[in-house]
Amino acid sequence: MFYYIYILYSLKDHKFYTGISHDLRKRLKEHNSGKNISTSYRRPFKLIYYEAYPLKRDAQAREVYLKTSMGKRVLKKQLSNYLLTLDR
């Protein structure tokens, strides 16, 4: 089993949501159906990035980093061309 770090992009407020899951497709459906209370008001979401890790603790460490200001900055730079297409 793999653990996935994922980045969702809210098409409503144009902000990111970073999470972790062992079932990425199911988790995306939960976010977009409103089952996650903390993100239900920001729907719909588009999956824009993910990474897979065989160990949960490695995935958790990466998630913590991506939620820092430096992690967000690196990710935005890495996806800068793609992010420009989302706001069109």
N, C-alpha and C. Protein backbone atom coordinates (compact mmCIF):
# COMPACT_ATOMS: atom_id res chain seq x y z
N MET A 1 0.84 -1.18 0.00
CA MET A 1 0.00 0.00 0.00
C MET A 1 0.89 1.24 0.00
N PHE A 2 0.45 2.24 -0.71
CA PHE A 2 1.16 3.51 -0.75
C PHE A 2 0.34 4.58 -0.05
N TYR A 3 1.02 5.59 0.41
CA TYR A 3 0.39 6.76 1.00
C TYR A 3 0.66 7.93 0.07
N TYR A 4 -0.36 8.72 -0.18
CA TYR A 4 -0.27 9.80 -1.14
C TYR A 4 -0.38 11.15 -0.45
N ILE A 5 0.55 12.02 -0.80
CA ILE A 5 0.44 13.43 -0.45
C ILE A 5 -0.22 14.07 -1.66
N TYR A 6 -1.24 14.85 -1.43
CA TYR A 6 -1.94 15.44 -2.57
C TYR A 6 -2.19 16.92 -2.35
N ILE A 7 -2.25 17.63 -3.46
CA ILE A 7 -2.56 19.05 -3.44
C ILE A 7 -3.81 19.25 -4.28
N LEU A 8 -4.81 19.83 -3.66
CA LEU A 8 -6.04 20.17 -4.36
C LEU A 8 -6.07 21.68 -4.59
N TYR A 9 -6.68 22.06 -5.68
CA TYR A 9 -6.85 23.47 -6.01
C TYR A 9 -8.35 23.77 -6.00
N SER A 10 -8.74 24.72 -5.17
CA SER A 10 -10.15 25.09 -5.10
C SER A 10 -10.50 25.98 -6.28
N LEU A 11 -11.45 25.54 -7.08
CA LEU A 11 -11.91 26.34 -8.20
C LEU A 11 -12.78 27.50 -7.74
N LYS A 12 -13.17 27.48 -6.47
CA LYS A 12 -14.00 28.54 -5.91
C LYS A 12 -13.16 29.70 -5.37
N ASP A 13 -12.20 29.38 -4.49
CA ASP A 13 -11.43 30.46 -3.86
C ASP A 13 -9.96 30.51 -4.33
N HIS A 14 -9.60 29.61 -5.25
CA HIS A 14 -8.27 29.60 -5.87
C HIS A 14 -7.14 29.39 -4.86
N LYS A 15 -7.43 28.61 -3.82
CA LYS A 15 -6.42 28.29 -2.81
C LYS A 15 -6.15 26.79 -2.84
N PHE A 16 -5.03 26.42 -2.20
CA PHE A 16 -4.61 25.03 -2.15
C PHE A 16 -5.09 24.35 -0.88
N TYR A 17 -5.22 23.05 -0.98
CA TYR A 17 -5.45 22.20 0.19
C TYR A 17 -4.47 21.04 0.08
N THR A 18 -3.71 20.79 1.12
CA THR A 18 -2.72 19.71 1.14
C THR A 18 -3.19 18.64 2.10
N GLY A 19 -3.16 17.39 1.65
CA GLY A 19 -3.60 16.29 2.50
C GLY A 19 -2.82 15.02 2.24
N ILE A 20 -3.19 13.99 2.99
CA ILE A 20 -2.55 12.69 2.86
C ILE A 20 -3.65 11.63 2.90
N SER A 21 -3.47 10.58 2.11
CA SER A 21 -4.46 9.50 2.05
C SER A 21 -3.83 8.24 1.47
N HIS A 22 -4.39 7.10 1.83
CA HIS A 22 -3.94 5.85 1.20
C HIS A 22 -4.82 5.49 0.01
N ASP A 23 -5.95 6.20 -0.16
CA ASP A 23 -6.84 5.98 -1.30
C ASP A 23 -7.16 7.35 -1.91
N LEU A 24 -6.34 7.74 -2.85
CA LEU A 24 -6.42 9.09 -3.41
C LEU A 24 -7.74 9.36 -4.13
N ARG A 25 -8.19 8.43 -4.93
CA ARG A 25 -9.45 8.64 -5.67
C ARG A 25 -10.64 8.79 -4.73
N LYS A 26 -10.70 7.94 -3.72
CA LYS A 26 -11.80 8.02 -2.76
C LYS A 26 -11.76 9.35 -2.00
N ARG A 27 -10.56 9.77 -1.64
CA ARG A 27 -10.42 11.02 -0.88
C ARG A 27 -10.83 12.22 -1.71
N LEU A 28 -10.47 12.24 -2.98
CA LEU A 28 -10.88 13.34 -3.85
C LEU A 28 -12.40 13.40 -3.98
N LYS A 29 -13.03 12.24 -4.11
CA LYS A 29 -14.49 12.19 -4.18
C LYS A 29 -15.12 12.73 -2.89
N GLU A 30 -14.52 12.38 -1.75
CA GLU A 30 -15.04 12.87 -0.47
C GLU A 30 -14.94 14.39 -0.39
N HIS A 31 -13.82 14.95 -0.82
CA HIS A 31 -13.68 16.41 -0.81
C HIS A 31 -14.71 17.06 -1.72
N ASN A 32 -14.89 16.54 -2.91
CA ASN A 32 -15.80 17.17 -3.87
C ASN A 32 -17.27 16.93 -3.58
N SER A 33 -17.58 15.92 -2.78
CA SER A 33 -18.98 15.68 -2.43
C SER A 33 -19.39 16.40 -1.14
N GLY A 34 -18.44 17.04 -0.48
CA GLY A 34 -18.75 17.78 0.74
C GLY A 34 -18.67 16.97 2.01
N LYS A 35 -18.15 15.75 1.94
CA LYS A 35 -18.05 14.91 3.14
C LYS A 35 -16.98 15.39 4.11
N ASN A 36 -16.06 16.18 3.64
CA ASN A 36 -15.05 16.75 4.52
C ASN A 36 -15.54 18.13 4.93
N ILE A 37 -15.91 18.29 6.18
CA ILE A 37 -16.51 19.53 6.66
C ILE A 37 -15.57 20.72 6.50
N SER A 38 -14.28 20.49 6.72
CA SER A 38 -13.33 21.61 6.67
C SER A 38 -13.11 22.15 5.26
N THR A 39 -13.48 21.40 4.23
CA THR A 39 -13.30 21.89 2.86
C THR A 39 -14.60 21.98 2.07
N SER A 40 -15.71 21.63 2.65
CA SER A 40 -16.96 21.56 1.88
C SER A 40 -17.37 22.90 1.28
N TYR A 41 -17.06 23.99 1.95
CA TYR A 41 -17.46 25.32 1.46
C TYR A 41 -16.54 25.82 0.34
N ARG A 42 -15.44 25.09 0.07
CA ARG A 42 -14.47 25.51 -0.95
C ARG A 42 -14.58 24.71 -2.24
N ARG A 43 -15.57 23.85 -2.35
CA ARG A 43 -15.74 23.00 -3.54
C ARG A 43 -16.10 23.83 -4.77
N PRO A 44 -15.79 23.32 -5.93
CA PRO A 44 -15.16 22.05 -6.29
C PRO A 44 -13.63 22.15 -6.27
N PHE A 45 -13.01 20.98 -6.22
CA PHE A 45 -11.56 20.88 -6.19
C PHE A 45 -11.05 20.15 -7.42
N LYS A 46 -9.83 20.49 -7.78
CA LYS A 46 -9.14 19.80 -8.86
C LYS A 46 -7.83 19.29 -8.28
N LEU A 47 -7.54 18.02 -8.50
CA LEU A 47 -6.27 17.45 -8.08
C LEU A 47 -5.19 17.98 -9.00
N ILE A 48 -4.19 18.67 -8.44
CA ILE A 48 -3.16 19.25 -9.29
C ILE A 48 -1.78 18.63 -9.07
N TYR A 49 -1.62 17.85 -7.99
CA TYR A 49 -0.30 17.30 -7.70
C TYR A 49 -0.44 16.19 -6.67
N TYR A 50 0.40 15.15 -6.82
CA TYR A 50 0.49 14.13 -5.78
C TYR A 50 1.82 13.42 -5.84
N GLU A 51 2.20 12.85 -4.72
CA GLU A 51 3.40 12.05 -4.58
C GLU A 51 3.02 10.79 -3.82
N ALA A 52 3.67 9.67 -4.12
CA ALA A 52 3.39 8.40 -3.47
C ALA A 52 4.58 7.97 -2.61
N TYR A 53 4.29 7.45 -1.43
CA TYR A 53 5.31 6.98 -0.50
C TYR A 53 4.91 5.61 0.05
N PRO A 54 5.85 4.66 0.13
CA PRO A 54 5.52 3.36 0.70
C PRO A 54 5.38 3.39 2.22
N LEU A 55 6.03 4.36 2.88
CA LEU A 55 5.94 4.46 4.34
C LEU A 55 5.13 5.68 4.74
N LYS A 56 4.19 5.48 5.64
CA LYS A 56 3.31 6.56 6.07
C LYS A 56 4.10 7.70 6.72
N ARG A 57 5.11 7.37 7.51
CA ARG A 57 5.86 8.42 8.20
C ARG A 57 6.62 9.32 7.22
N ASP A 58 7.08 8.75 6.10
CA ASP A 58 7.72 9.58 5.08
C ASP A 58 6.70 10.51 4.42
N ALA A 59 5.52 10.00 4.16
CA ALA A 59 4.45 10.83 3.57
C ALA A 59 4.06 11.94 4.54
N GLN A 60 3.96 11.62 5.81
CA GLN A 60 3.59 12.63 6.81
C GLN A 60 4.65 13.72 6.91
N ALA A 61 5.92 13.33 6.85
CA ALA A 61 7.00 14.33 6.90
C ALA A 61 6.93 15.26 5.69
N ARG A 62 6.66 14.70 4.54
CA ARG A 62 6.55 15.51 3.32
C ARG A 62 5.35 16.45 3.38
N GLU A 63 4.25 15.95 3.92
CA GLU A 63 3.05 16.79 4.06
C GLU A 63 3.35 17.98 4.97
N VAL A 64 4.02 17.73 6.07
CA VAL A 64 4.38 18.82 7.00
C VAL A 64 5.21 19.86 6.27
N TYR A 65 6.19 19.41 5.48
CA TYR A 65 7.04 20.36 4.74
C TYR A 65 6.22 21.16 3.73
N LEU A 66 5.36 20.49 2.97
CA LEU A 66 4.59 21.20 1.95
C LEU A 66 3.62 22.22 2.54
N LYS A 67 3.30 22.09 3.80
CA LYS A 67 2.40 23.04 4.45
C LYS A 67 3.14 24.25 5.01
N THR A 68 4.48 24.22 4.96
CA THR A 68 5.26 25.38 5.42
C THR A 68 5.29 26.43 4.31
N SER A 69 5.69 27.64 4.68
CA SER A 69 5.76 28.69 3.68
C SER A 69 6.79 28.35 2.60
N MET A 70 7.91 27.75 2.98
CA MET A 70 8.92 27.36 1.99
C MET A 70 8.38 26.26 1.08
N GLY A 71 7.70 25.28 1.64
CA GLY A 71 7.14 24.20 0.84
C GLY A 71 6.11 24.71 -0.15
N LYS A 72 5.26 25.63 0.29
CA LYS A 72 4.26 26.21 -0.61
C LYS A 72 4.93 27.01 -1.73
N ARG A 73 5.99 27.73 -1.39
CA ARG A 73 6.70 28.53 -2.37
C ARG A 73 7.35 27.64 -3.43
N VAL A 74 8.00 26.56 -3.00
CA VAL A 74 8.65 25.63 -3.93
C VAL A 74 7.61 24.99 -4.84
N LEU A 75 6.50 24.57 -4.27
CA LEU A 75 5.46 23.92 -5.06
C LEU A 75 4.86 24.89 -6.09
N LYS A 76 4.60 26.12 -5.68
CA LYS A 76 4.06 27.10 -6.62
C LYS A 76 5.03 27.38 -7.76
N LYS A 77 6.32 27.42 -7.44
CA LYS A 77 7.31 27.63 -8.49
C LYS A 77 7.37 26.44 -9.43
N GLN A 78 7.32 25.24 -8.86
CA GLN A 78 7.38 24.01 -9.65
C GLN A 78 6.19 23.90 -10.59
N LEU A 79 5.02 24.36 -10.16
CA LEU A 79 3.80 24.23 -10.95
C LEU A 79 3.36 25.55 -11.59
N SER A 80 4.25 26.52 -11.66
CA SER A 80 3.87 27.88 -12.07
C SER A 80 3.19 27.93 -13.44
N ASN A 81 3.69 27.23 -14.42
CA ASN A 81 3.06 27.26 -15.75
C ASN A 81 1.68 26.63 -15.72
N TYR A 82 1.55 25.53 -15.02
CA TYR A 82 0.24 24.86 -14.94
C TYR A 82 -0.77 25.73 -14.19
N LEU A 83 -0.34 26.37 -13.12
CA LEU A 83 -1.25 27.21 -12.35
C LEU A 83 -1.78 28.37 -13.17
N LEU A 84 -1.00 28.87 -14.09
CA LEU A 84 -1.48 29.95 -14.97
C LEU A 84 -2.66 29.47 -15.83
N THR A 85 -2.68 28.21 -16.21
CA THR A 85 -3.77 27.69 -17.04
C THR A 85 -5.06 27.52 -16.24
N LEU A 86 -4.96 27.36 -14.93
CA LEU A 86 -6.15 27.14 -14.10
C LEU A 86 -7.00 28.39 -13.95
N ASP A 87 -6.38 29.53 -13.99
CA ASP A 87 -7.10 30.78 -13.76
C ASP A 87 -7.65 31.41 -15.04
N ARG A 88 -7.54 30.70 -16.12
CA ARG A 88 -8.06 31.23 -17.40
C ARG A 88 -9.50 30.93 -17.58
